[in-house]
């Protein structure tokens, strides 16, 4: 199983935004969507700000694979639903990183109702 390098994690964590693409059934990439990202305990996480019906989230969850770009890191990845234990530390990381944008935007990706739309992003071999 592949792991993020410390340098990749640092660059992704420092990036304000991440671009995510999911794979189609034929293996091609869908157009990238720009979202926010959090890094907790050596893992990369992304969340849907508009619930489980958000198009990019549905496609990423269904495909289970895609590509990300953030902080100069370009990587083929897999997506899996996050473990519930990450809820609080990820909320804290996202608040620390994004509270400067105001309560509305950061509130859309934090709180008890967003765990179901939290994906762990894993690098592919």
N, C-alpha and C. Protein backbone atom coordinates (compact mmCIF):
# COMPACT_ATOMS: atom_id res chain seq x y z
N UNK A 1 0.84 -1.18 0.00
CA UNK A 1 0.00 0.00 0.00
C UNK A 1 0.88 1.24 0.00
N UNK A 2 0.56 2.20 -0.84
CA UNK A 2 1.33 3.43 -0.95
C UNK A 2 1.00 4.37 0.22
N UNK A 3 1.94 5.22 0.55
CA UNK A 3 1.77 6.20 1.61
C UNK A 3 2.17 7.57 1.10
N UNK A 4 1.62 8.61 1.70
CA UNK A 4 2.04 9.96 1.40
C UNK A 4 3.43 10.18 1.98
N UNK A 5 4.28 10.88 1.28
CA UNK A 5 5.57 11.24 1.84
C UNK A 5 5.36 12.45 2.75
N UNK A 6 6.27 12.69 3.69
CA UNK A 6 6.14 13.89 4.53
C UNK A 6 6.09 15.17 3.69
N UNK A 7 6.88 15.24 2.62
CA UNK A 7 6.87 16.42 1.77
C UNK A 7 5.52 16.60 1.08
N UNK A 8 4.93 15.51 0.58
CA UNK A 8 3.60 15.60 -0.05
C UNK A 8 2.56 16.08 0.94
N UNK A 9 2.57 15.51 2.14
CA UNK A 9 1.61 15.92 3.16
C UNK A 9 1.76 17.39 3.52
N UNK A 10 3.00 17.85 3.67
CA UNK A 10 3.25 19.26 3.99
C UNK A 10 2.71 20.17 2.89
N UNK A 11 2.97 19.81 1.64
CA UNK A 11 2.52 20.65 0.52
C UNK A 11 1.00 20.64 0.37
N UNK A 12 0.39 19.48 0.55
CA UNK A 12 -1.07 19.42 0.48
C UNK A 12 -1.69 20.20 1.63
N UNK A 13 -1.16 20.03 2.84
CA UNK A 13 -1.69 20.75 4.00
C UNK A 13 -1.57 22.26 3.84
N UNK A 14 -0.50 22.72 3.22
CA UNK A 14 -0.27 24.15 3.04
C UNK A 14 -1.11 24.75 1.92
N UNK A 15 -1.58 23.93 1.01
CA UNK A 15 -2.38 24.42 -0.12
C UNK A 15 -3.77 24.84 0.37
N UNK A 16 -4.24 25.97 -0.11
CA UNK A 16 -5.58 26.42 0.26
C UNK A 16 -6.63 25.53 -0.39
N UNK A 17 -6.37 25.10 -1.62
CA UNK A 17 -7.35 24.32 -2.36
C UNK A 17 -6.72 23.07 -2.95
N UNK A 18 -7.58 22.12 -3.23
CA UNK A 18 -7.20 20.87 -3.88
C UNK A 18 -8.12 20.69 -5.08
N UNK A 19 -7.56 20.19 -6.16
CA UNK A 19 -8.38 19.85 -7.34
C UNK A 19 -8.53 18.34 -7.37
N UNK A 20 -9.76 17.89 -7.48
CA UNK A 20 -10.05 16.46 -7.45
C UNK A 20 -10.83 16.06 -8.71
N UNK A 21 -10.43 14.93 -9.27
CA UNK A 21 -11.11 14.34 -10.42
C UNK A 21 -11.39 12.88 -10.09
N UNK A 22 -12.55 12.40 -10.45
CA UNK A 22 -12.83 10.97 -10.29
C UNK A 22 -12.66 10.30 -11.66
N UNK A 23 -12.50 8.98 -11.63
CA UNK A 23 -12.34 8.20 -12.86
C UNK A 23 -13.70 7.74 -13.37
N UNK A 24 -13.84 7.81 -14.67
CA UNK A 24 -15.02 7.25 -15.33
C UNK A 24 -14.83 5.74 -15.47
N UNK A 25 -15.89 5.05 -15.88
CA UNK A 25 -15.81 3.60 -16.08
C UNK A 25 -14.75 3.21 -17.10
N UNK A 26 -14.50 4.08 -18.08
CA UNK A 26 -13.50 3.77 -19.10
C UNK A 26 -12.07 4.12 -18.66
N UNK A 27 -11.92 4.61 -17.43
CA UNK A 27 -10.60 4.94 -16.89
C UNK A 27 -10.18 6.39 -17.09
N UNK A 28 -10.90 7.13 -17.92
CA UNK A 28 -10.55 8.54 -18.12
C UNK A 28 -10.98 9.36 -16.91
N UNK A 29 -10.37 10.52 -16.77
CA UNK A 29 -10.68 11.40 -15.64
C UNK A 29 -11.79 12.37 -15.98
N UNK A 30 -12.67 12.59 -15.03
CA UNK A 30 -13.69 13.62 -15.17
C UNK A 30 -13.01 14.98 -14.97
N UNK A 31 -13.65 16.07 -15.37
CA UNK A 31 -13.07 17.39 -15.11
C UNK A 31 -12.85 17.61 -13.62
N UNK A 32 -11.78 18.30 -13.29
CA UNK A 32 -11.42 18.54 -11.88
C UNK A 32 -12.36 19.56 -11.24
N UNK A 33 -12.60 19.37 -9.96
CA UNK A 33 -13.39 20.29 -9.14
C UNK A 33 -12.47 20.80 -8.03
N UNK A 34 -12.55 22.09 -7.75
CA UNK A 34 -11.72 22.69 -6.70
C UNK A 34 -12.48 22.66 -5.39
N UNK A 35 -11.82 22.10 -4.35
CA UNK A 35 -12.43 21.99 -3.02
C UNK A 35 -11.37 22.28 -1.96
N UNK A 36 -11.80 22.27 -0.70
CA UNK A 36 -10.87 22.43 0.41
C UNK A 36 -10.42 21.06 0.89
N UNK A 37 -9.31 21.05 1.62
CA UNK A 37 -8.67 19.80 2.02
C UNK A 37 -8.11 19.91 3.43
N UNK A 38 -8.11 18.79 4.14
CA UNK A 38 -7.51 18.75 5.47
C UNK A 38 -6.57 17.55 5.59
N UNK A 39 -5.53 17.73 6.39
CA UNK A 39 -4.58 16.66 6.66
C UNK A 39 -4.57 16.41 8.17
N UNK A 40 -4.78 15.15 8.55
CA UNK A 40 -4.81 14.75 9.96
C UNK A 40 -4.05 13.44 10.11
N UNK A 41 -3.07 13.43 11.01
CA UNK A 41 -2.32 12.21 11.33
C UNK A 41 -1.81 11.47 10.09
N UNK A 42 -1.22 12.22 9.17
CA UNK A 42 -0.62 11.61 8.00
C UNK A 42 -1.60 11.15 6.94
N UNK A 43 -2.84 11.60 7.03
CA UNK A 43 -3.85 11.22 6.03
C UNK A 43 -4.50 12.48 5.46
N UNK A 44 -4.94 12.37 4.21
CA UNK A 44 -5.57 13.47 3.49
C UNK A 44 -7.07 13.21 3.43
N UNK A 45 -7.86 14.26 3.73
CA UNK A 45 -9.32 14.13 3.74
C UNK A 45 -9.96 15.27 2.94
N UNK A 46 -11.07 14.93 2.28
CA UNK A 46 -11.88 15.93 1.57
C UNK A 46 -13.33 15.70 1.95
N UNK A 47 -14.12 16.79 1.89
CA UNK A 47 -15.54 16.72 2.25
C UNK A 47 -16.38 17.47 1.24
N UNK A 48 -17.59 17.01 1.09
CA UNK A 48 -18.56 17.72 0.28
C UNK A 48 -19.21 18.81 1.11
N UNK A 49 -19.17 20.02 0.63
CA UNK A 49 -19.78 21.14 1.34
C UNK A 49 -21.30 21.18 1.12
N UNK A 50 -21.79 20.40 0.18
CA UNK A 50 -23.22 20.47 -0.15
C UNK A 50 -23.89 19.12 -0.03
N UNK A 51 -23.43 18.31 0.90
CA UNK A 51 -24.08 17.05 1.20
C UNK A 51 -23.73 15.93 0.24
N UNK A 52 -24.34 14.78 0.47
CA UNK A 52 -24.01 13.59 -0.31
C UNK A 52 -24.50 13.62 -1.75
N UNK A 53 -25.36 14.58 -2.07
CA UNK A 53 -25.85 14.67 -3.45
C UNK A 53 -24.96 15.53 -4.34
N UNK A 54 -23.93 16.14 -3.78
CA UNK A 54 -22.99 16.94 -4.57
C UNK A 54 -22.38 16.03 -5.64
N UNK A 55 -22.39 16.49 -6.88
CA UNK A 55 -21.96 15.67 -8.00
C UNK A 55 -20.56 15.10 -7.88
N UNK A 56 -19.58 15.94 -7.53
CA UNK A 56 -18.21 15.43 -7.46
C UNK A 56 -18.09 14.35 -6.40
N UNK A 57 -18.81 14.52 -5.26
CA UNK A 57 -18.73 13.55 -4.18
C UNK A 57 -19.35 12.22 -4.60
N UNK A 58 -20.53 12.26 -5.20
CA UNK A 58 -21.18 11.02 -5.66
C UNK A 58 -20.29 10.26 -6.63
N UNK A 59 -19.69 10.98 -7.56
CA UNK A 59 -18.85 10.33 -8.57
C UNK A 59 -17.57 9.76 -7.94
N UNK A 60 -16.96 10.51 -7.02
CA UNK A 60 -15.73 10.02 -6.37
C UNK A 60 -16.03 8.80 -5.51
N UNK A 61 -17.12 8.84 -4.77
CA UNK A 61 -17.48 7.71 -3.91
C UNK A 61 -17.77 6.47 -4.77
N UNK A 62 -18.51 6.65 -5.83
CA UNK A 62 -18.87 5.54 -6.71
C UNK A 62 -17.65 4.97 -7.42
N UNK A 63 -16.79 5.85 -7.96
CA UNK A 63 -15.62 5.41 -8.72
C UNK A 63 -14.56 4.79 -7.80
N UNK A 64 -14.37 5.40 -6.65
CA UNK A 64 -13.35 4.92 -5.72
C UNK A 64 -11.94 5.24 -6.14
N UNK A 65 -11.77 5.93 -7.26
CA UNK A 65 -10.44 6.26 -7.77
C UNK A 65 -10.49 7.57 -8.54
N UNK A 66 -9.33 8.23 -8.58
CA UNK A 66 -9.26 9.48 -9.31
C UNK A 66 -7.87 10.07 -9.26
N UNK A 67 -7.81 11.39 -9.27
CA UNK A 67 -6.55 12.12 -9.31
C UNK A 67 -6.73 13.40 -8.51
N UNK A 68 -5.67 13.80 -7.79
CA UNK A 68 -5.71 15.07 -7.06
C UNK A 68 -4.49 15.91 -7.44
N UNK A 69 -4.66 17.20 -7.24
CA UNK A 69 -3.58 18.16 -7.45
C UNK A 69 -3.71 19.22 -6.35
N UNK A 70 -2.63 19.41 -5.59
CA UNK A 70 -2.63 20.42 -4.53
C UNK A 70 -1.20 20.71 -4.12
N UNK A 71 -0.86 21.98 -4.02
CA UNK A 71 0.47 22.36 -3.54
C UNK A 71 1.61 21.80 -4.37
N UNK A 72 1.37 21.60 -5.65
CA UNK A 72 2.40 21.04 -6.52
C UNK A 72 2.46 19.51 -6.51
N UNK A 73 1.59 18.89 -5.74
CA UNK A 73 1.51 17.42 -5.71
C UNK A 73 0.45 16.98 -6.71
N UNK A 74 0.84 16.12 -7.61
CA UNK A 74 -0.07 15.50 -8.59
C UNK A 74 -0.04 14.01 -8.30
N UNK A 75 -1.21 13.41 -8.04
CA UNK A 75 -1.19 12.02 -7.63
C UNK A 75 -2.47 11.30 -8.03
N UNK A 76 -2.31 10.09 -8.57
CA UNK A 76 -3.46 9.19 -8.72
C UNK A 76 -3.79 8.67 -7.34
N UNK A 77 -5.09 8.59 -7.04
CA UNK A 77 -5.53 8.26 -5.68
C UNK A 77 -6.71 7.31 -5.70
N UNK A 78 -7.00 6.78 -4.52
CA UNK A 78 -8.26 6.09 -4.28
C UNK A 78 -9.00 6.85 -3.19
N UNK A 79 -10.31 6.66 -3.15
CA UNK A 79 -11.16 7.32 -2.17
C UNK A 79 -11.87 6.26 -1.35
N UNK A 80 -11.95 6.49 -0.04
CA UNK A 80 -12.75 5.62 0.81
C UNK A 80 -13.42 6.48 1.88
N UNK A 81 -14.59 6.03 2.32
CA UNK A 81 -15.26 6.78 3.39
C UNK A 81 -14.39 6.81 4.62
N UNK A 82 -14.36 7.95 5.28
CA UNK A 82 -13.50 8.16 6.44
C UNK A 82 -14.04 7.42 7.67
N UNK A 83 -13.11 7.04 8.52
CA UNK A 83 -13.44 6.45 9.81
C UNK A 83 -14.08 7.54 10.68
N UNK A 84 -15.16 7.23 11.39
CA UNK A 84 -15.79 8.24 12.25
C UNK A 84 -14.86 8.88 13.27
N UNK A 85 -13.79 8.20 13.65
CA UNK A 85 -12.86 8.75 14.64
C UNK A 85 -12.16 10.02 14.16
N UNK A 86 -12.16 10.27 12.87
CA UNK A 86 -11.47 11.45 12.35
C UNK A 86 -12.34 12.71 12.44
N UNK A 87 -13.60 12.56 12.76
CA UNK A 87 -14.53 13.70 12.77
C UNK A 87 -14.00 14.92 13.52
N UNK A 88 -13.70 14.78 14.78
CA UNK A 88 -13.27 15.93 15.59
C UNK A 88 -11.90 16.47 15.19
N UNK A 89 -10.87 15.62 15.02
CA UNK A 89 -9.58 16.19 14.62
C UNK A 89 -9.62 16.85 13.24
N UNK A 90 -10.41 16.31 12.33
CA UNK A 90 -10.52 16.93 11.01
C UNK A 90 -11.27 18.25 11.10
N UNK A 91 -12.34 18.29 11.87
CA UNK A 91 -13.04 19.58 12.08
C UNK A 91 -12.07 20.63 12.61
N UNK A 92 -11.26 20.25 13.60
CA UNK A 92 -10.30 21.20 14.18
C UNK A 92 -9.29 21.67 13.14
N UNK A 93 -8.79 20.75 12.33
CA UNK A 93 -7.82 21.12 11.29
C UNK A 93 -8.45 22.04 10.26
N UNK A 94 -9.69 21.77 9.87
CA UNK A 94 -10.38 22.61 8.89
C UNK A 94 -10.69 23.98 9.46
N UNK A 95 -11.10 24.04 10.72
CA UNK A 95 -11.33 25.35 11.35
C UNK A 95 -10.04 26.16 11.40
N UNK A 96 -8.96 25.53 11.80
CA UNK A 96 -7.69 26.24 11.89
C UNK A 96 -7.26 26.78 10.53
N UNK A 97 -7.49 26.01 9.51
CA UNK A 97 -7.05 26.39 8.17
C UNK A 97 -7.98 27.39 7.49
N UNK A 98 -9.30 27.24 7.69
CA UNK A 98 -10.26 27.99 6.87
C UNK A 98 -11.15 28.99 7.61
N UNK A 99 -11.05 29.12 8.92
CA UNK A 99 -11.92 30.06 9.64
C UNK A 99 -11.77 31.49 9.13
N UNK A 100 -10.66 31.80 8.54
CA UNK A 100 -10.44 33.16 8.00
C UNK A 100 -11.44 33.51 6.91
N UNK A 101 -12.10 32.49 6.32
CA UNK A 101 -13.08 32.73 5.27
C UNK A 101 -14.49 32.95 5.82
N UNK A 102 -14.65 32.87 7.13
CA UNK A 102 -15.94 33.13 7.76
C UNK A 102 -16.68 31.86 8.12
N UNK A 103 -17.70 32.02 8.98
CA UNK A 103 -18.40 30.85 9.50
C UNK A 103 -19.25 30.10 8.48
N UNK A 104 -19.75 30.78 7.48
CA UNK A 104 -20.59 30.09 6.48
C UNK A 104 -19.84 29.02 5.71
N UNK A 105 -18.76 29.40 5.03
CA UNK A 105 -18.05 28.38 4.25
C UNK A 105 -17.46 27.25 5.09
N UNK A 106 -16.83 27.59 6.20
CA UNK A 106 -16.22 26.53 7.01
C UNK A 106 -17.30 25.72 7.72
N UNK A 107 -18.42 26.34 8.02
CA UNK A 107 -19.52 25.61 8.64
C UNK A 107 -20.12 24.55 7.73
N UNK A 108 -19.98 24.75 6.42
CA UNK A 108 -20.50 23.78 5.45
C UNK A 108 -19.68 22.49 5.41
N UNK A 109 -18.45 22.53 5.94
CA UNK A 109 -17.60 21.34 5.89
C UNK A 109 -17.18 20.85 7.27
N UNK A 110 -17.83 21.36 8.32
CA UNK A 110 -17.53 20.91 9.68
C UNK A 110 -18.84 20.62 10.40
N UNK A 111 -18.75 19.85 11.46
CA UNK A 111 -19.93 19.55 12.27
C UNK A 111 -20.34 18.09 12.17
N UNK A 112 -21.32 17.75 12.97
CA UNK A 112 -21.72 16.35 13.10
C UNK A 112 -22.40 15.77 11.87
N UNK A 113 -22.90 16.62 10.98
CA UNK A 113 -23.65 16.11 9.83
C UNK A 113 -22.82 15.92 8.57
N UNK A 114 -21.50 16.09 8.64
CA UNK A 114 -20.68 15.97 7.42
C UNK A 114 -19.82 14.71 7.36
N UNK A 115 -19.86 13.89 8.37
CA UNK A 115 -19.03 12.69 8.36
C UNK A 115 -19.37 11.80 7.16
N UNK A 116 -20.63 11.70 6.81
CA UNK A 116 -21.05 10.84 5.70
C UNK A 116 -20.51 11.32 4.36
N UNK A 117 -20.03 12.55 4.31
CA UNK A 117 -19.47 13.08 3.06
C UNK A 117 -17.98 13.34 3.18
N UNK A 118 -17.31 12.61 4.07
CA UNK A 118 -15.88 12.76 4.27
C UNK A 118 -15.16 11.57 3.63
N UNK A 119 -14.27 11.88 2.70
CA UNK A 119 -13.50 10.84 2.03
C UNK A 119 -12.03 10.92 2.44
N UNK A 120 -11.46 9.77 2.72
CA UNK A 120 -10.02 9.67 2.91
C UNK A 120 -9.42 9.47 1.53
N UNK A 121 -8.37 10.21 1.25
CA UNK A 121 -7.72 10.16 -0.06
C UNK A 121 -6.38 9.44 0.11
N UNK A 122 -6.23 8.33 -0.59
CA UNK A 122 -5.04 7.49 -0.47
C UNK A 122 -4.25 7.48 -1.77
N UNK A 123 -2.93 7.65 -1.70
CA UNK A 123 -2.14 7.59 -2.94
C UNK A 123 -2.14 6.18 -3.51
N UNK A 124 -2.14 6.09 -4.83
CA UNK A 124 -2.05 4.78 -5.48
C UNK A 124 -0.60 4.43 -5.76
N UNK A 125 -0.33 3.16 -5.79
CA UNK A 125 1.02 2.67 -6.09
C UNK A 125 1.45 3.10 -7.48
